[in-house]
Amino acid sequence: MATIVFGHGYTGSRLNKIISGSIATELPSLCKEGQIPFDFNNESTWSNLPMFDSAVITFKMTDEVQASKFSHLLKDKKTIVLSSARNLLNTQPDEVINEFTPLADSLRAKSEKYFEPTAIILYLGLIWGKKRTPLKWLTENRIKNGSKYINLIHVDDLCQIIKHFLENDFKPDKYLISDGDCRKWRELANNFGYSLNSQENGLESRIFNTEKLTSVLPEGFCFTKVSTNS
């Protein structure tokens, strides 16, 4: 089964290493040997695509017209769309959200609606991994609010989850993706010997209910947890 990975960023590039025989796309201006020149916003590049059976969309779509056309192009393919949990609209800070949480009124959410009938949409927590770790974010002073909840997913775990969906018979659906270990930034920072101030939380602080995800993962699937070595 030939799989095209659309987008060659942090997650896309890792997916191409994990999914055997996958095909990588990249913007024509950045394309390297072995990659397919493709630009979501330039339909003339869509004819560059070879034959394929399944697709993973790793880039953000914010153009409804293009998204509609792209969803039609992929309508007969097994498709996975990587979205953001920010597209799920909670109404109060620290609210528990799941796959039934309403969608936000954003261009991204509206664009991804075209894929709901035919694709698996994964709403992602904060992706971390090599060169992109909570410790690095703390040392760079990028984290300000210790009382905000954080929902993490390691990039390799995410790739294995995607691989599992591709290799098995799953119908179009939505899943909320994190390791299920929701905690406050203050608690995580303390593990690294950092102290964070607690501020008033906004709607960006949510608690993920990942029961639906864990119910479909292989028995014994182990998530990578943040440690003091991370």
Protein backbone atom coordinates (compact mmCIF):
# COMPACT_ATOMS: atom_id res chain seq x y z
CA MET A 1 0.00 0.00 0.00
CA ALA A 2 1.55 3.29 -1.12
CA THR A 3 1.11 6.15 1.36
CA ILE A 4 1.74 9.80 0.58
CA VAL A 5 2.73 12.01 3.50
CA PHE A 6 1.69 15.56 2.65
CA GLY A 7 4.06 17.96 4.37
CA HIS A 8 7.66 17.39 5.41
CA GLY A 9 7.89 19.26 8.71
CA TYR A 10 8.59 17.92 12.20
CA THR A 11 5.93 15.21 12.10
CA GLY A 12 5.83 14.57 8.35
CA SER A 13 9.57 13.95 8.06
CA ARG A 14 9.41 11.51 10.99
CA LEU A 15 6.43 9.70 9.46
CA ASN A 16 8.36 9.09 6.27
CA LYS A 17 11.00 7.24 8.30
CA ILE A 18 8.49 5.09 10.17
CA ILE A 19 6.03 4.20 7.39
CA SER A 20 7.80 1.81 5.05
CA GLY A 21 7.70 2.87 1.41
CA SER A 22 5.92 6.14 2.08
CA ILE A 23 6.18 8.99 -0.40
CA ALA A 24 7.22 12.45 0.79
CA THR A 25 5.96 15.73 -0.63
CA GLU A 26 7.57 19.12 -0.26
CA LEU A 27 7.01 22.62 -1.59
CA PRO A 28 8.54 22.92 -5.08
CA SER A 29 11.01 25.57 -3.88
CA LEU A 30 12.28 23.24 -1.11
CA CYS A 31 11.97 19.91 -2.88
CA LYS A 32 14.91 17.51 -2.68
CA GLU A 33 15.70 14.30 -4.55
CA GLY A 34 13.14 11.62 -3.81
CA GLN A 35 10.42 14.06 -2.80
CA ILE A 36 7.35 15.00 -4.83
CA PRO A 37 6.92 18.73 -5.51
CA PHE A 38 3.49 19.64 -4.16
CA ASP A 39 1.80 22.85 -3.06
CA PHE A 40 -1.70 22.75 -1.57
CA ASN A 41 -2.26 26.30 -2.82
CA ASN A 42 -1.10 25.58 -6.37
CA GLU A 43 -3.30 23.05 -8.14
CA SER A 44 -0.92 22.76 -11.07
CA THR A 45 1.39 20.76 -8.76
CA TRP A 46 -1.30 18.24 -7.86
CA SER A 47 -0.71 16.40 -11.15
CA ASN A 48 2.81 15.56 -9.88
CA LEU A 49 1.36 13.01 -7.47
CA PRO A 50 2.03 9.35 -8.31
CA MET A 51 -0.44 6.53 -7.72
CA PHE A 52 -1.18 5.98 -4.03
CA ASP A 53 -3.66 4.22 -1.77
CA SER A 54 -3.58 6.28 1.41
CA ALA A 55 -2.61 9.75 2.55
CA VAL A 56 -1.62 11.61 5.70
CA ILE A 57 -2.10 15.39 5.68
CA THR A 58 0.30 16.97 8.17
CA PHE A 59 0.03 20.62 7.15
CA LYS A 60 -2.58 23.16 8.25
CA MET A 61 -5.38 23.92 5.78
CA THR A 62 -7.03 27.33 6.08
CA ASP A 63 -8.50 27.77 2.59
CA GLU A 64 -12.01 26.32 2.32
CA VAL A 65 -12.08 26.40 -1.48
CA GLN A 66 -8.79 24.53 -1.80
CA ALA A 67 -9.76 22.15 0.98
CA SER A 68 -12.98 21.25 -0.81
CA LYS A 69 -11.07 20.45 -4.00
CA PHE A 70 -8.36 18.56 -2.14
CA SER A 71 -10.91 16.45 -0.25
CA HIS A 72 -12.47 15.51 -3.59
CA LEU A 73 -9.03 14.49 -4.91
CA LEU A 74 -8.59 12.18 -1.90
CA LYS A 75 -12.19 10.98 -1.55
CA ASP A 76 -11.36 7.39 -2.61
CA LYS A 77 -8.14 7.21 -0.59
CA LYS A 78 -7.69 6.19 3.02
CA THR A 79 -6.93 9.58 4.54
CA ILE A 80 -5.73 10.83 7.90
CA VAL A 81 -5.80 14.54 8.70
CA LEU A 82 -3.63 15.90 11.49
CA SER A 83 -5.52 18.70 13.19
CA SER A 84 -5.11 20.63 16.42
CA ALA A 85 -7.08 20.26 19.64
CA ARG A 86 -7.44 24.03 19.44
CA ASN A 87 -10.12 23.33 16.85
CA LEU A 88 -12.28 21.89 19.64
CA LEU A 89 -14.18 24.70 21.32
CA ASN A 90 -14.32 24.56 25.10
CA THR A 91 -16.38 27.19 26.87
CA GLN A 92 -14.53 27.48 30.19
CA PRO A 93 -10.95 27.09 31.46
CA ASP A 94 -9.80 23.61 32.52
CA GLU A 95 -12.79 21.99 30.82
CA VAL A 96 -12.71 18.30 29.91
CA ILE A 97 -12.99 17.95 26.13
CA ASN A 98 -13.58 14.94 23.90
CA GLU A 99 -14.54 14.11 20.32
CA PHE A 100 -18.07 15.46 20.86
CA THR A 101 -16.82 18.92 21.81
CA PRO A 102 -18.08 21.48 19.24
CA LEU A 103 -15.68 22.80 16.62
CA ALA A 104 -14.28 26.31 16.76
CA ASP A 105 -15.35 28.87 14.17
CA SER A 106 -11.95 28.99 12.50
CA LEU A 107 -10.76 28.71 8.90
CA ARG A 108 -8.87 25.56 9.80
CA ALA A 109 -11.90 23.88 11.33
CA LYS A 110 -14.08 24.92 8.40
CA SER A 111 -11.53 23.60 5.90
CA GLU A 112 -11.22 20.26 7.66
CA LYS A 113 -15.01 19.81 7.69
CA TYR A 114 -14.77 18.75 4.04
CA PHE A 115 -12.77 15.70 5.10
CA GLU A 116 -15.15 14.46 7.82
CA PRO A 117 -17.11 12.07 5.52
CA THR A 118 -13.99 10.31 4.23
CA ALA A 119 -11.08 10.79 6.64
CA ILE A 120 -9.85 10.06 10.13
CA ILE A 121 -9.21 13.39 11.83
CA LEU A 122 -6.74 13.44 14.71
CA TYR A 123 -6.95 16.38 17.11
CA LEU A 124 -3.46 16.64 18.54
CA GLY A 125 -2.08 17.73 21.85
CA LEU A 126 1.35 19.36 22.08
CA ILE A 127 3.86 17.34 20.05
CA TRP A 128 7.27 16.81 21.59
CA GLY A 129 10.37 14.77 20.83
CA LYS A 130 14.00 15.18 19.88
CA LYS A 131 15.06 18.86 19.81
CA ARG A 132 11.52 19.80 20.85
CA THR A 133 11.12 19.03 24.54
CA PRO A 134 9.33 20.51 27.55
CA LEU A 135 12.73 21.05 29.20
CA LYS A 136 13.90 23.06 26.19
CA TRP A 137 10.74 25.18 26.29
CA LEU A 138 11.29 25.83 29.98
CA THR A 139 14.94 26.79 29.57
CA GLU A 140 13.99 29.15 26.76
CA ASN A 141 11.47 30.81 29.11
CA ARG A 142 8.61 30.11 26.71
CA ILE A 143 6.27 28.80 29.41
CA LYS A 144 4.73 31.52 31.58
CA ASN A 145 1.68 30.07 33.31
CA GLY A 146 2.28 27.22 35.73
CA SER A 147 -1.42 26.61 36.36
CA LYS A 148 -2.22 25.81 32.71
CA TYR A 149 -2.93 22.16 31.91
CA ILE A 150 -0.71 20.47 29.31
CA ASN A 151 -1.60 17.48 27.12
CA LEU A 152 1.44 15.96 25.40
CA ILE A 153 2.09 13.40 22.67
CA HIS A 154 5.55 12.20 21.66
CA VAL A 155 6.13 12.43 17.90
CA ASP A 156 7.12 8.75 17.66
CA ASP A 157 3.96 7.69 19.52
CA LEU A 158 1.91 9.83 17.16
CA CYS A 159 3.57 8.19 14.16
CA GLN A 160 2.87 4.72 15.53
CA ILE A 161 -0.77 5.66 16.10
CA ILE A 162 -1.05 6.91 12.51
CA LYS A 163 0.61 3.72 11.26
CA HIS A 164 -1.90 1.66 13.26
CA PHE A 165 -4.83 3.50 11.66
CA LEU A 166 -3.35 3.05 8.18
CA GLU A 167 -2.72 -0.67 8.60
CA ASN A 168 -6.15 -1.51 10.02
CA ASP A 169 -9.74 -1.13 8.91
CA PHE A 170 -10.96 2.05 10.59
CA LYS A 171 -13.89 4.09 9.33
CA PRO A 172 -13.81 7.91 9.04
CA ASP A 173 -13.93 9.29 12.55
CA LYS A 174 -12.40 11.75 15.03
CA TYR A 175 -9.91 11.07 17.80
CA LEU A 176 -8.35 13.25 20.48
CA ILE A 177 -4.63 12.50 20.73
CA SER A 178 -2.41 12.74 23.81
CA ASP A 179 -0.63 10.35 26.16
CA GLY A 180 -3.50 10.72 28.63
CA ASP A 181 -1.21 12.12 31.34
CA CYS A 182 -2.76 15.56 31.74
CA ARG A 183 -1.00 17.77 34.29
CA LYS A 184 -0.25 21.38 35.02
CA TRP A 185 2.89 23.04 33.70
CA ARG A 186 3.85 23.82 37.29
CA GLU A 187 3.97 20.12 38.15
CA LEU A 188 6.04 19.30 35.08
CA ALA A 189 8.42 22.20 35.69
CA ASN A 190 9.00 21.06 39.28
CA ASN A 191 10.32 17.74 37.96
CA PHE A 192 13.05 19.67 36.19
CA GLY A 193 13.79 21.95 39.13
CA TYR A 194 12.00 24.95 37.65
CA SER A 195 9.45 27.16 39.38
CA LEU A 196 6.60 28.72 37.43
CA ASN A 197 4.16 31.39 38.53
CA SER A 198 0.47 30.58 38.46
CA GLN A 199 -1.73 32.93 36.46
CA GLU A 200 -5.41 32.98 35.62
CA ASN A 201 -6.18 30.33 33.02
CA GLY A 202 -7.84 31.09 29.74
CA LEU A 203 -9.70 28.76 27.40
CA GLU A 204 -6.38 27.38 26.16
CA SER A 205 -6.19 25.27 29.35
CA ARG A 206 -8.10 22.04 28.72
CA ILE A 207 -8.14 18.44 29.93
CA PHE A 208 -8.24 15.77 27.21
CA ASN A 209 -10.46 12.72 27.53
CA THR A 210 -8.59 10.11 25.45
CA GLU A 211 -10.71 7.05 26.25
CA LYS A 212 -11.80 6.70 22.62
CA LEU A 213 -8.18 6.63 21.43
CA THR A 214 -7.00 4.10 23.98
CA SER A 215 -9.95 1.84 23.17
CA VAL A 216 -8.67 1.32 19.60
CA LEU A 217 -4.92 1.11 20.21
CA PRO A 218 -3.15 -2.28 20.31
CA GLU A 219 -3.17 -4.03 23.67
CA GLY A 220 -0.10 -3.02 25.64
CA PHE A 221 0.56 0.18 23.67
CA CYS A 222 2.93 2.25 25.80
CA PHE A 223 3.13 6.02 25.54
CA THR A 224 6.47 7.78 25.90
CA LYS A 225 6.36 9.82 29.09
CA VAL A 226 8.35 12.96 29.85
CA SER A 227 11.18 12.28 32.26
CA THR A 228 13.89 14.44 33.83
CA ASN A 229 16.14 13.26 30.99
CA SER A 230 13.76 14.62 28.34
